Structure formats: C-alpha cells, structure tokens
Amino acid sequence: EEALSIVAQQPPDLILLDVMMPGMDGYQVTARIKGNPATRHIPVIIVTALDDRHARLIGLDAGAEDFLNKPVDRAELFARVNNLLRLKAYGDYYDTYSRVLERRERMLTTALSSISDFVCVFDRDSSLIYVNRPLLDLWGLTLEDAMGRTVVGLTYPEDQASLLQHQLDEVFEHATRVTGEMSYT
C-alpha cells in the first residue's frame, strides 16, 4: 500500500517488483498499477524465485512487461531495464506531442470558427479538412455534408472543376513547401 501511494504521488520511470510480499503479492500490485490511468504506462519487471510457466503467465497477465527469475543475471537485468526505459521515453514523448497537437488543434479550430470571412482548409487532394460557418451557410451545407468533399467540386461548376483540380494537383506535386494563404478568385 505504501509503495502504491508513493507511485501515485511521484511516478517512477520503471518498477522492479517481487511476487512474494507480505499483504498484497506482486501480481496484485502490478494489476493496481496497470489499472490506474495515471500509472498504467510505467513498465513493471517482476523479479521472483518462482520459475514455473504458470507464475510467469500470471505476472504477464497482470500487466507486467517482463519477468525475471532469481538469482538475477545482472547483465540481463541491465539490458531489459534499458530497453524498457527507452520504450517508455518514446511513449512519454509521443504522449506529450499528442497533447500539444490536440491543444493546437483546439486553439486553431476556435480561432477559425470566430472568423466571419469565408475560411476553408483542405489537404493535398483538395478534400476539406475544415470549413467555417459562414462558408457552410453560403454553400447551404452542414459540416457533415461538406467534410471529405473537395473544395474544387463545391466551388466550381463541373466543367471547370476538373481543370482546376488538375492545376492544384500539379502545384502540390511540384511544390517543396507551400506557405502563406491560397485563395481562389
């Protein structure tokens, strides 16, 4: 219980855990760690004198990333700890990066939705990614109806749309970097 309290307050990067302990066993502690969203990404290596297949499967089923038998080979422990710490560092990086991207997306969506001019954002295939309310109102569409359609197909007659789409494809194919605003007149 004390260890779980410490882990909750100040999560470590990795946990080495014995199976046979007074009170809760290592399997129960692992299950509690992995059951908590705040600590589930902490790698757990179970280290125990139990060497049967059943004990190993129980540990892995509880959520442990690895299982080592006592006496522990120090070189093997060192290698496994390094591998798990490296994987955790990658996971932490991508979790942080995802949160930053989500925050930026919310900010951009909020900023774009407050613009009274016509705004649309489209990808290289000219499929709409974002359309603000004034432009949807002009087109007489809902957001669901507009998403995934091409900006060219929505804004130009069919005979002009294929020519413009071809021109857009060439721009994107030959451009190494597109900056600034793109607009159609």
N, C-alpha and C. Protein backbone atom coordinates (compact mmCIF):
# COMPACT_ATOMS: atom_id res chain seq x y z
N GLU A 1 0.82 -1.20 0.00
CA GLU A 1 0.00 0.00 0.00
C GLU A 1 0.86 1.26 0.00
N GLU A 2 1.93 1.23 0.81
CA GLU A 2 2.81 2.39 0.88
C GLU A 2 3.48 2.65 -0.47
N ALA A 3 3.93 1.59 -1.12
CA ALA A 3 4.57 1.73 -2.43
C ALA A 3 3.59 2.28 -3.46
N LEU A 4 2.35 1.80 -3.44
CA LEU A 4 1.34 2.30 -4.38
C LEU A 4 1.06 3.78 -4.14
N SER A 5 1.05 4.19 -2.90
CA SER A 5 0.84 5.60 -2.56
C SER A 5 1.98 6.45 -3.10
N ILE A 6 3.21 5.97 -2.94
CA ILE A 6 4.38 6.71 -3.44
C ILE A 6 4.35 6.78 -4.96
N VAL A 7 4.01 5.67 -5.62
CA VAL A 7 3.93 5.63 -7.09
C VAL A 7 2.87 6.62 -7.58
N ALA A 8 1.75 6.71 -6.89
CA ALA A 8 0.68 7.64 -7.28
C ALA A 8 1.11 9.09 -7.14
N GLN A 9 1.92 9.39 -6.10
CA GLN A 9 2.34 10.77 -5.85
C GLN A 9 3.50 11.19 -6.75
N GLN A 10 4.43 10.28 -6.96
CA GLN A 10 5.61 10.59 -7.75
C GLN A 10 5.96 9.37 -8.60
N PRO A 11 5.32 9.24 -9.78
CA PRO A 11 5.50 8.05 -10.61
C PRO A 11 6.96 7.85 -11.04
N PRO A 12 7.49 6.64 -10.83
CA PRO A 12 8.85 6.35 -11.28
C PRO A 12 8.85 6.01 -12.77
N ASP A 13 10.02 5.88 -13.34
CA ASP A 13 10.13 5.50 -14.75
C ASP A 13 10.01 4.00 -14.96
N LEU A 14 10.28 3.21 -13.91
CA LEU A 14 10.26 1.75 -14.03
C LEU A 14 10.12 1.16 -12.64
N ILE A 15 9.49 0.00 -12.54
CA ILE A 15 9.32 -0.66 -11.25
C ILE A 15 9.84 -2.08 -11.33
N LEU A 16 10.73 -2.43 -10.40
CA LEU A 16 11.17 -3.81 -10.20
C LEU A 16 10.37 -4.33 -9.01
N LEU A 17 9.68 -5.45 -9.18
CA LEU A 17 8.72 -5.88 -8.18
C LEU A 17 8.84 -7.37 -7.91
N ASP A 18 8.92 -7.74 -6.64
CA ASP A 18 8.93 -9.14 -6.24
C ASP A 18 7.49 -9.64 -6.20
N VAL A 19 7.31 -10.95 -6.34
CA VAL A 19 5.97 -11.52 -6.27
C VAL A 19 5.58 -11.79 -4.83
N MET A 20 6.44 -12.43 -4.09
CA MET A 20 6.10 -12.85 -2.73
C MET A 20 6.43 -11.74 -1.74
N MET A 21 5.35 -11.09 -1.26
CA MET A 21 5.50 -10.00 -0.30
C MET A 21 4.39 -10.15 0.74
N PRO A 22 4.58 -9.59 1.91
CA PRO A 22 3.50 -9.62 2.90
C PRO A 22 2.35 -8.73 2.44
N GLY A 23 1.14 -9.10 2.77
CA GLY A 23 -0.02 -8.32 2.33
C GLY A 23 -0.32 -8.65 0.89
N MET A 24 -0.31 -7.65 0.02
CA MET A 24 -0.55 -7.87 -1.41
C MET A 24 0.65 -8.54 -2.04
N ASP A 25 0.38 -9.44 -3.00
CA ASP A 25 1.51 -10.02 -3.72
C ASP A 25 1.84 -9.13 -4.93
N GLY A 26 2.93 -9.44 -5.59
CA GLY A 26 3.38 -8.63 -6.72
C GLY A 26 2.40 -8.59 -7.87
N TYR A 27 1.63 -9.68 -8.06
CA TYR A 27 0.62 -9.70 -9.12
C TYR A 27 -0.47 -8.67 -8.83
N GLN A 28 -0.90 -8.60 -7.59
CA GLN A 28 -1.95 -7.64 -7.21
C GLN A 28 -1.45 -6.20 -7.33
N VAL A 29 -0.22 -5.98 -6.91
CA VAL A 29 0.35 -4.63 -7.03
C VAL A 29 0.45 -4.23 -8.50
N THR A 30 0.92 -5.16 -9.34
CA THR A 30 1.02 -4.88 -10.78
C THR A 30 -0.35 -4.55 -11.35
N ALA A 31 -1.35 -5.34 -11.01
CA ALA A 31 -2.71 -5.11 -11.52
C ALA A 31 -3.22 -3.73 -11.09
N ARG A 32 -2.94 -3.31 -9.87
CA ARG A 32 -3.36 -1.99 -9.39
C ARG A 32 -2.64 -0.88 -10.15
N ILE A 33 -1.34 -1.06 -10.37
CA ILE A 33 -0.56 -0.06 -11.12
C ILE A 33 -1.10 0.06 -12.53
N LYS A 34 -1.32 -1.08 -13.18
CA LYS A 34 -1.78 -1.08 -14.57
C LYS A 34 -3.24 -0.68 -14.69
N GLY A 35 -4.01 -0.80 -13.62
CA GLY A 35 -5.41 -0.41 -13.64
C GLY A 35 -5.64 1.08 -13.43
N ASN A 36 -4.61 1.80 -13.05
CA ASN A 36 -4.71 3.23 -12.81
C ASN A 36 -4.24 3.98 -14.05
N PRO A 37 -5.10 4.79 -14.69
CA PRO A 37 -4.69 5.51 -15.90
C PRO A 37 -3.44 6.37 -15.71
N ALA A 38 -3.22 6.87 -14.51
CA ALA A 38 -2.06 7.73 -14.26
C ALA A 38 -0.75 6.95 -14.18
N THR A 39 -0.82 5.64 -13.90
CA THR A 39 0.41 4.85 -13.73
C THR A 39 0.51 3.67 -14.69
N ARG A 40 -0.48 3.47 -15.53
CA ARG A 40 -0.50 2.26 -16.37
C ARG A 40 0.65 2.16 -17.37
N HIS A 41 1.29 3.28 -17.68
CA HIS A 41 2.39 3.25 -18.65
C HIS A 41 3.76 3.04 -17.99
N ILE A 42 3.79 2.87 -16.69
CA ILE A 42 5.06 2.61 -16.01
C ILE A 42 5.41 1.14 -16.23
N PRO A 43 6.57 0.85 -16.83
CA PRO A 43 6.95 -0.54 -17.03
C PRO A 43 7.21 -1.25 -15.70
N VAL A 44 6.75 -2.49 -15.61
CA VAL A 44 6.95 -3.30 -14.42
C VAL A 44 7.71 -4.57 -14.82
N ILE A 45 8.80 -4.82 -14.11
CA ILE A 45 9.53 -6.09 -14.26
C ILE A 45 9.33 -6.86 -12.97
N ILE A 46 8.74 -8.03 -13.08
CA ILE A 46 8.57 -8.88 -11.91
C ILE A 46 9.83 -9.71 -11.75
N VAL A 47 10.38 -9.68 -10.55
CA VAL A 47 11.59 -10.44 -10.22
C VAL A 47 11.20 -11.40 -9.09
N THR A 48 11.37 -12.70 -9.33
CA THR A 48 10.90 -13.66 -8.33
C THR A 48 11.69 -14.97 -8.38
N ALA A 49 11.59 -15.70 -7.28
CA ALA A 49 12.20 -17.03 -7.20
C ALA A 49 11.31 -18.07 -7.88
N LEU A 50 10.04 -17.72 -8.12
CA LEU A 50 9.14 -18.64 -8.82
C LEU A 50 9.61 -18.79 -10.26
N ASP A 51 9.76 -20.03 -10.69
CA ASP A 51 10.30 -20.20 -12.05
C ASP A 51 9.42 -21.05 -12.94
N ASP A 52 8.17 -21.27 -12.55
CA ASP A 52 7.30 -22.08 -13.40
C ASP A 52 6.55 -21.19 -14.40
N ARG A 53 6.08 -21.82 -15.46
CA ARG A 53 5.39 -21.13 -16.55
C ARG A 53 4.12 -20.44 -16.04
N HIS A 54 3.39 -21.10 -15.15
CA HIS A 54 2.14 -20.56 -14.63
C HIS A 54 2.39 -19.21 -13.92
N ALA A 55 3.43 -19.13 -13.10
CA ALA A 55 3.76 -17.89 -12.38
C ALA A 55 4.09 -16.77 -13.36
N ARG A 56 4.82 -17.12 -14.41
CA ARG A 56 5.19 -16.14 -15.44
C ARG A 56 3.94 -15.60 -16.15
N LEU A 57 3.03 -16.50 -16.51
CA LEU A 57 1.81 -16.09 -17.21
C LEU A 57 0.92 -15.23 -16.33
N ILE A 58 0.84 -15.54 -15.05
CA ILE A 58 0.04 -14.71 -14.14
C ILE A 58 0.62 -13.29 -14.09
N GLY A 59 1.94 -13.18 -14.01
CA GLY A 59 2.59 -11.87 -13.97
C GLY A 59 2.36 -11.08 -15.24
N LEU A 60 2.51 -11.74 -16.37
CA LEU A 60 2.30 -11.05 -17.65
C LEU A 60 0.83 -10.68 -17.82
N ASP A 61 -0.07 -11.57 -17.37
CA ASP A 61 -1.50 -11.29 -17.46
C ASP A 61 -1.89 -10.11 -16.55
N ALA A 62 -1.19 -9.93 -15.46
CA ALA A 62 -1.46 -8.80 -14.55
C ALA A 62 -1.01 -7.48 -15.17
N GLY A 63 -0.18 -7.56 -16.22
CA GLY A 63 0.25 -6.35 -16.92
C GLY A 63 1.73 -6.08 -16.90
N ALA A 64 2.51 -6.97 -16.25
CA ALA A 64 3.96 -6.76 -16.21
C ALA A 64 4.53 -6.84 -17.63
N GLU A 65 5.51 -5.98 -17.89
CA GLU A 65 6.16 -6.01 -19.21
C GLU A 65 7.19 -7.11 -19.30
N ASP A 66 7.77 -7.52 -18.17
CA ASP A 66 8.82 -8.53 -18.20
C ASP A 66 8.83 -9.30 -16.90
N PHE A 67 9.54 -10.40 -16.90
CA PHE A 67 9.55 -11.33 -15.77
C PHE A 67 10.95 -11.92 -15.70
N LEU A 68 11.62 -11.78 -14.56
CA LEU A 68 12.96 -12.34 -14.38
C LEU A 68 12.98 -13.26 -13.16
N ASN A 69 13.75 -14.34 -13.29
CA ASN A 69 13.89 -15.28 -12.19
C ASN A 69 15.13 -14.98 -11.36
N LYS A 70 14.99 -15.22 -10.06
CA LYS A 70 16.13 -15.11 -9.15
C LYS A 70 16.91 -16.42 -9.21
N PRO A 71 18.18 -16.41 -9.07
CA PRO A 71 19.03 -15.23 -8.96
C PRO A 71 19.09 -14.52 -10.31
N VAL A 72 19.08 -13.20 -10.27
CA VAL A 72 19.03 -12.38 -11.47
C VAL A 72 20.41 -12.21 -12.06
N ASP A 73 20.48 -12.42 -13.35
CA ASP A 73 21.70 -12.16 -14.10
C ASP A 73 21.77 -10.64 -14.29
N ARG A 74 22.76 -9.99 -13.72
CA ARG A 74 22.84 -8.52 -13.75
C ARG A 74 22.89 -7.96 -15.18
N ALA A 75 23.59 -8.63 -16.07
CA ALA A 75 23.69 -8.14 -17.45
C ALA A 75 22.32 -8.20 -18.13
N GLU A 76 21.58 -9.28 -17.89
CA GLU A 76 20.24 -9.41 -18.47
C GLU A 76 19.30 -8.36 -17.88
N LEU A 77 19.35 -8.16 -16.57
CA LEU A 77 18.52 -7.14 -15.93
C LEU A 77 18.84 -5.76 -16.49
N PHE A 78 20.13 -5.44 -16.62
CA PHE A 78 20.55 -4.15 -17.14
C PHE A 78 20.00 -3.95 -18.56
N ALA A 79 20.10 -4.97 -19.41
CA ALA A 79 19.62 -4.86 -20.80
C ALA A 79 18.10 -4.67 -20.84
N ARG A 80 17.38 -5.43 -20.03
CA ARG A 80 15.92 -5.32 -20.04
C ARG A 80 15.46 -3.97 -19.48
N VAL A 81 16.11 -3.50 -18.44
CA VAL A 81 15.78 -2.18 -17.88
C VAL A 81 16.04 -1.10 -18.93
N ASN A 82 17.18 -1.15 -19.59
CA ASN A 82 17.49 -0.15 -20.62
C ASN A 82 16.47 -0.16 -21.74
N ASN A 83 16.09 -1.36 -22.20
CA ASN A 83 15.10 -1.45 -23.28
C ASN A 83 13.75 -0.87 -22.86
N LEU A 84 13.30 -1.22 -21.67
CA LEU A 84 12.01 -0.71 -21.21
C LEU A 84 12.04 0.79 -20.95
N LEU A 85 13.14 1.30 -20.44
CA LEU A 85 13.24 2.74 -20.22
C LEU A 85 13.25 3.50 -21.55
N ARG A 86 13.91 2.94 -22.54
CA ARG A 86 13.92 3.58 -23.86
C ARG A 86 12.51 3.59 -24.46
N LEU A 87 11.80 2.47 -24.36
CA LEU A 87 10.44 2.41 -24.87
C LEU A 87 9.52 3.38 -24.12
N LYS A 88 9.69 3.47 -22.81
CA LYS A 88 8.88 4.40 -22.02
C LYS A 88 9.17 5.84 -22.43
N ALA A 89 10.43 6.16 -22.67
CA ALA A 89 10.79 7.52 -23.09
C ALA A 89 10.12 7.86 -24.42
N TYR A 90 10.11 6.91 -25.36
CA TYR A 90 9.41 7.15 -26.63
C TYR A 90 7.92 7.36 -26.39
N GLY A 91 7.32 6.51 -25.56
CA GLY A 91 5.90 6.65 -25.26
C GLY A 91 5.58 7.98 -24.60
N ASP A 92 6.41 8.39 -23.64
CA ASP A 92 6.21 9.68 -22.97
C ASP A 92 6.31 10.83 -23.97
N TYR A 93 7.28 10.75 -24.88
CA TYR A 93 7.46 11.79 -25.89
C TYR A 93 6.21 11.89 -26.76
N TYR A 94 5.72 10.76 -27.25
CA TYR A 94 4.56 10.79 -28.13
C TYR A 94 3.29 11.18 -27.40
N ASP A 95 3.15 10.83 -26.12
CA ASP A 95 2.02 11.29 -25.33
C ASP A 95 2.03 12.81 -25.21
N THR A 96 3.19 13.36 -24.90
CA THR A 96 3.33 14.81 -24.78
C THR A 96 3.06 15.49 -26.12
N TYR A 97 3.63 14.94 -27.19
CA TYR A 97 3.45 15.50 -28.53
C TYR A 97 1.98 15.47 -28.93
N SER A 98 1.28 14.38 -28.60
CA SER A 98 -0.15 14.27 -28.92
C SER A 98 -0.95 15.33 -28.18
N ARG A 99 -0.63 15.55 -26.90
CA ARG A 99 -1.34 16.57 -26.13
C ARG A 99 -1.10 17.97 -26.72
N VAL A 100 0.13 18.24 -27.15
CA VAL A 100 0.44 19.54 -27.77
C VAL A 100 -0.36 19.71 -29.06
N LEU A 101 -0.40 18.67 -29.88
CA LEU A 101 -1.15 18.74 -31.14
C LEU A 101 -2.64 18.92 -30.89
N GLU A 102 -3.18 18.21 -29.91
CA GLU A 102 -4.60 18.37 -29.58
C GLU A 102 -4.90 19.78 -29.12
N ARG A 103 -4.02 20.35 -28.28
CA ARG A 103 -4.22 21.71 -27.80
C ARG A 103 -4.15 22.69 -28.98
N ARG A 104 -3.18 22.51 -29.87
CA ARG A 104 -3.07 23.41 -31.03
C ARG A 104 -4.29 23.28 -31.93
N GLU A 105 -4.78 22.06 -32.11
CA GLU A 105 -5.96 21.86 -32.95
C GLU A 105 -7.18 22.57 -32.35
N ARG A 106 -7.35 22.47 -31.03
CA ARG A 106 -8.47 23.16 -30.37
C ARG A 106 -8.34 24.67 -30.54
N MET A 107 -7.12 25.19 -30.36
CA MET A 107 -6.91 26.63 -30.50
C MET A 107 -7.18 27.08 -31.93
N LEU A 108 -6.70 26.33 -32.90
CA LEU A 108 -6.91 26.68 -34.31
C LEU A 108 -8.39 26.61 -34.67
N THR A 109 -9.06 25.57 -34.22
CA THR A 109 -10.49 25.44 -34.50
C THR A 109 -11.26 26.59 -33.89
N THR A 110 -10.93 26.96 -32.67
CA THR A 110 -11.59 28.09 -32.01
C THR A 110 -11.33 29.38 -32.77
N ALA A 111 -10.08 29.60 -33.16
CA ALA A 111 -9.73 30.82 -33.90
C ALA A 111 -10.43 30.87 -35.25
N LEU A 112 -10.43 29.75 -35.97
CA LEU A 112 -11.04 29.73 -37.30
C LEU A 112 -12.56 29.89 -37.22
N SER A 113 -13.17 29.33 -36.20
CA SER A 113 -14.63 29.41 -36.10
C SER A 113 -15.10 30.83 -35.79
N SER A 114 -14.22 31.65 -35.24
CA SER A 114 -14.62 33.02 -34.91
C SER A 114 -14.43 34.00 -36.07
N ILE A 115 -13.86 33.56 -37.16
CA ILE A 115 -13.62 34.44 -38.31
C ILE A 115 -14.92 34.56 -39.11
N SER A 116 -15.29 35.78 -39.46
CA SER A 116 -16.54 35.99 -40.20
C SER A 116 -16.34 35.88 -41.71
N ASP A 117 -15.11 35.93 -42.19
CA ASP A 117 -14.85 35.72 -43.61
C ASP A 117 -14.99 34.24 -43.92
N PHE A 118 -14.94 33.92 -45.20
CA PHE A 118 -15.03 32.53 -45.61
C PHE A 118 -13.67 31.87 -45.44
N VAL A 119 -13.65 30.76 -44.72
CA VAL A 119 -12.40 30.05 -44.47
C VAL A 119 -12.62 28.56 -44.71
N CYS A 120 -11.69 27.98 -45.47
CA CYS A 120 -11.68 26.53 -45.58
C CYS A 120 -10.23 26.07 -45.63
N VAL A 121 -10.01 24.89 -45.10
CA VAL A 121 -8.69 24.29 -45.11
C VAL A 121 -8.85 22.95 -45.80
N PHE A 122 -7.94 22.67 -46.73
CA PHE A 122 -8.03 21.40 -47.45
C PHE A 122 -6.67 20.77 -47.56
N ASP A 123 -6.66 19.45 -47.80
CA ASP A 123 -5.40 18.72 -47.90
C ASP A 123 -4.91 18.70 -49.34
N ARG A 124 -3.86 17.93 -49.59
CA ARG A 124 -3.25 17.90 -50.92
C ARG A 124 -4.19 17.38 -51.99
N ASP A 125 -5.20 16.61 -51.60
CA ASP A 125 -6.17 16.08 -52.56
C ASP A 125 -7.36 17.02 -52.71
N SER A 126 -7.26 18.18 -52.11
CA SER A 126 -8.28 19.23 -52.05
C SER A 126 -9.53 18.79 -51.28
N SER A 127 -9.40 17.72 -50.47
CA SER A 127 -10.51 17.32 -49.61
C SER A 127 -10.56 18.25 -48.41
N LEU A 128 -11.76 18.69 -48.09
CA LEU A 128 -11.93 19.64 -47.00
C LEU A 128 -11.56 19.02 -45.66
N ILE A 129 -10.83 19.78 -44.88
CA ILE A 129 -10.45 19.39 -43.53
C ILE A 129 -11.20 20.27 -42.54
N TYR A 130 -11.40 21.52 -42.91
CA TYR A 130 -12.11 22.47 -42.04
C TYR A 130 -12.85 23.47 -42.91
N VAL A 131 -14.07 23.81 -42.49
CA VAL A 131 -14.86 24.86 -43.15
C VAL A 131 -15.54 25.64 -42.04
N ASN A 132 -15.47 26.98 -42.10
CA ASN A 132 -16.14 27.75 -41.05
C ASN A 132 -17.61 27.95 -41.39
N ARG A 133 -18.37 28.40 -40.40
CA ARG A 133 -19.82 28.53 -40.51
C ARG A 133 -20.26 29.45 -41.65
N PRO A 134 -19.66 30.65 -41.84
CA PRO A 134 -20.13 31.50 -42.95
C PRO A 134 -20.04 30.82 -44.32
N LEU A 135 -18.99 30.04 -44.55
CA LEU A 135 -18.86 29.36 -45.84
C LEU A 135 -19.86 28.21 -45.95
N LEU A 136 -20.09 27.50 -44.88
CA LEU A 136 -21.11 26.45 -44.90
C LEU A 136 -22.48 27.04 -45.21
N ASP A 137 -22.77 28.19 -44.59
CA ASP A 137 -24.05 28.85 -44.84
C ASP A 137 -24.16 29.26 -46.31
N LEU A 138 -23.08 29.79 -46.88
CA LEU A 138 -23.09 30.18 -48.29
C LEU A 138 -23.38 28.98 -49.19
N TRP A 139 -22.73 27.84 -48.89
CA TRP A 139 -22.93 26.63 -49.68
C TRP A 139 -24.25 25.95 -49.38
N GLY A 140 -24.85 26.30 -48.24
CA GLY A 140 -26.09 25.65 -47.83
C GLY A 140 -25.87 24.21 -47.39
N LEU A 141 -24.73 23.96 -46.75
CA LEU A 141 -24.38 22.60 -46.32
C LEU A 141 -24.17 22.55 -44.82
N THR A 142 -24.30 21.35 -44.29
CA THR A 142 -23.88 21.11 -42.91
C THR A 142 -22.42 20.71 -42.94
N LEU A 143 -21.79 20.77 -41.78
CA LEU A 143 -20.39 20.37 -41.69
C LEU A 143 -20.21 18.92 -42.12
N GLU A 144 -21.13 18.06 -41.71
CA GLU A 144 -21.05 16.64 -42.08
C GLU A 144 -21.13 16.44 -43.59
N ASP A 145 -21.98 17.24 -44.27
CA ASP A 145 -22.12 17.13 -45.72
C ASP A 145 -20.87 17.63 -46.45
N ALA A 146 -20.18 18.60 -45.88
CA ALA A 146 -19.03 19.20 -46.55
C ALA A 146 -17.74 18.40 -46.35
N MET A 147 -17.57 17.80 -45.16
CA MET A 147 -16.31 17.11 -44.86
C MET A 147 -16.05 15.97 -45.85
N GLY A 148 -14.83 15.92 -46.32
CA GLY A 148 -14.41 14.88 -47.24
C GLY A 148 -14.66 15.22 -48.70
N ARG A 149 -15.52 16.20 -48.95
CA ARG A 149 -15.75 16.63 -50.34
C ARG A 149 -14.59 17.53 -50.75
N THR A 150 -14.43 17.70 -52.04
CA THR A 150 -13.33 18.55 -52.49
C THR A 150 -13.78 20.00 -52.57
N VAL A 151 -12.88 20.88 -52.24
CA VAL A 151 -13.16 22.31 -52.30
C VAL A 151 -13.44 22.72 -53.74
N VAL A 152 -12.76 22.10 -54.67
CA VAL A 152 -12.96 22.43 -56.08
C VAL A 152 -14.36 22.03 -56.52
N GLY A 153 -14.79 20.84 -56.15
CA GLY A 153 -16.12 20.38 -56.53
C GLY A 153 -17.23 21.19 -55.91
N LEU A 154 -17.01 21.77 -54.76
CA LEU A 154 -18.03 22.57 -54.09
C LEU A 154 -18.08 24.00 -54.60
N THR A 155 -17.00 24.51 -55.16
CA THR A 155 -16.95 25.93 -55.50
C THR A 155 -16.97 26.22 -57.00
N TYR A 156 -16.80 25.22 -57.83
CA TYR A 156 -16.74 25.46 -59.27
C TYR A 156 -17.69 24.54 -60.01
N PRO A 157 -18.22 25.03 -61.16
CA PRO A 157 -19.06 24.15 -62.00
C PRO A 157 -18.24 22.94 -62.44
N GLU A 158 -18.93 21.86 -62.74
CA GLU A 158 -18.25 20.59 -63.05
C GLU A 158 -17.25 20.72 -64.19
N ASP A 159 -17.57 21.49 -65.24
CA ASP A 159 -16.65 21.61 -66.37
C ASP A 159 -15.35 22.34 -65.99
N GLN A 160 -15.40 23.26 -65.04
CA GLN A 160 -14.20 23.96 -64.60
C GLN A 160 -13.48 23.22 -63.47
N ALA A 161 -14.22 22.43 -62.72
CA ALA A 161 -13.65 21.76 -61.54
C ALA A 161 -12.53 20.80 -61.90
N SER A 162 -12.69 20.02 -62.96
CA SER A 162 -11.64 19.04 -63.29
C SER A 162 -10.36 19.73 -63.72
N LEU A 163 -10.46 20.84 -64.47
CA LEU A 163 -9.28 21.60 -64.89
C LEU A 163 -8.58 22.20 -63.67
N LEU A 164 -9.34 22.81 -62.76
CA LEU A 164 -8.75 23.41 -61.57
C LEU A 164 -8.13 22.33 -60.67
N GLN A 165 -8.81 21.20 -60.56
CA GLN A 165 -8.26 20.12 -59.74
C GLN A 165 -6.93 19.64 -60.32
N HIS A 166 -6.83 19.54 -61.63
CA HIS A 166 -5.57 19.15 -62.28
C HIS A 166 -4.47 20.18 -61.98
N GLN A 167 -4.82 21.46 -62.04
CA GLN A 167 -3.85 22.51 -61.74
C GLN A 167 -3.39 22.43 -60.27
N LEU A 168 -4.32 22.19 -59.37
CA LEU A 168 -3.97 22.04 -57.95
C LEU A 168 -3.04 20.85 -57.74
N ASP A 169 -3.35 19.75 -58.39
CA ASP A 169 -2.51 18.55 -58.27
C ASP A 169 -1.09 18.85 -58.71
N GLU A 170 -0.93 19.60 -59.79
CA GLU A 170 0.41 19.96 -60.28
C GLU A 170 1.13 20.86 -59.29
N VAL A 171 0.43 21.81 -58.71
CA VAL A 171 1.04 22.70 -57.72
C VAL A 171 1.59 21.89 -56.56
N PHE A 172 0.76 21.01 -56.01
CA PHE A 172 1.19 20.22 -54.87
C PHE A 172 2.26 19.21 -55.23
N GLU A 173 2.21 18.69 -56.44
CA GLU A 173 3.21 17.71 -56.86
C GLU A 173 4.59 18.34 -56.99
N HIS A 174 4.66 19.57 -57.45
CA HIS A 174 5.95 20.21 -57.70
C HIS A 174 6.41 21.13 -56.58
N ALA A 175 5.56 21.40 -55.65
CA ALA A 175 5.93 22.32 -54.57
C ALA A 175 6.71 21.56 -53.51
N THR A 176 7.79 22.13 -53.08
CA THR A 176 8.54 21.53 -51.98
C THR A 176 7.99 22.03 -50.66
N ARG A 177 7.43 23.22 -50.68
CA ARG A 177 6.84 23.78 -49.46
C ARG A 177 5.81 24.81 -49.86
N VAL A 178 4.62 24.69 -49.31
CA VAL A 178 3.57 25.65 -49.59
C VAL A 178 3.42 26.52 -48.34
N THR A 179 3.56 27.83 -48.53
CA THR A 179 3.41 28.73 -47.40
C THR A 179 2.42 29.81 -47.75
N GLY A 180 1.99 30.52 -46.73
CA GLY A 180 1.07 31.62 -46.95
C GLY A 180 -0.33 31.13 -47.20
N GLU A 181 -1.14 32.00 -47.76
CA GLU A 181 -2.54 31.70 -47.99
C GLU A 181 -2.74 31.33 -49.45
N MET A 182 -3.60 30.38 -49.67
CA MET A 182 -4.01 30.04 -51.03
C MET A 182 -5.46 30.46 -51.15
N SER A 183 -5.82 31.15 -52.22
CA SER A 183 -7.20 31.56 -52.39
C SER A 183 -7.58 31.41 -53.86
N TYR A 184 -8.85 31.32 -54.10
CA TYR A 184 -9.37 31.21 -55.46
C TYR A 184 -10.16 32.45 -55.78
N THR A 185 -10.03 32.90 -56.98
CA THR A 185 -10.83 34.06 -57.38
C THR A 185 -11.73 33.68 -58.53
